Amino acid sequence: MAGLVNGKKFLVTGVLTDQSIAFHIARLIQEEGGEVVLSSFGRAMSITTRIAGRLPKVAPVIELDVTNQEHLKALAPKIREYHSHLDGVVHSIGFAPESALGGNFLNTPWDDVAVALHVSAYSLASLTMASKELMSEGGSVVGMDFDASVAWPQYDWMGVAKAALESAARYLARDLGKENIRVNLIAAGPIKTMAAKSIPGFAEFESVWNQRAPLNWDIADPVPAAKGAVALLSDWFPKTTGEIIHVDGGVHAVGA
């Protein structure tokens, strides 16, 4: 029986541990008949390469720092060493300096805010454009989001960066639709990943979801969010773009 993404090729960023949402996206892609190339950079390269060995099929890892223009220029040629084209890209990238999180919102310097916005929001556009020539027959770009419609405790400038990510996705969807490239986001509930551990007060998110989620939410389970992403990568959402799909147990839909 053919899988959901049978024969399709994808670039998946953000695989750092086997608890990463991105890792489970890559795993599910392979289990559903697709192939993946992973990206990492710097000291994390060796970690991602090791984690790639835990996938059903070992995936190649290429170096990509989304803030490095030379890396972005070299992206398509590097991917062509493995695949002649891409059917989609997973943007699972986010970072904010320590001063941009944890209740320091009013005092965060612009240089640190700029880093958060560049890595966490602008990179959706730069990564998509660097990959676009490989999606000449159309494709699906899926980014990982955290609901930016409200101000969360401790999240501060990363929350602003996520709001920028959401807006960037809409503009990319507008401008790339004519090339049959869809751009959507998965707004996941809190998952206990490496990235989450860097957020001061992460336990506050856990308590909110335990109290408010209509569907039971397990912060140790990244699979529901990964399934949502793979569904958007597939052909089952052929006319959906500029959308934010919430995979958060329903918290976004209910009041306090």
Foldseek 3Di string as FASTA:
>chain_A
DAFQQAAAEEEFEDDQACLDLSVLLQQNCVVRHYAYEYEAADPSQVRNQVRLVVHPDRHHYDYADLVDPVRLLCVQVVVVVPPQAHQEYEAEWFDFPLCQWAPNQVPDDPVRLVVRLSTLAVSLVSNCVSRVVRQQQEHEYEYEAADLPDDDHGCGSNSVSRVNNLVNQLVCQVVCVVSQYAGEYEHEQAAPDPVLVSGPPSVVSVVLLCPAQPADDDNPDSNQSSVVRNNRRGCVPSPDHSYYHYHYSCNVPDDD
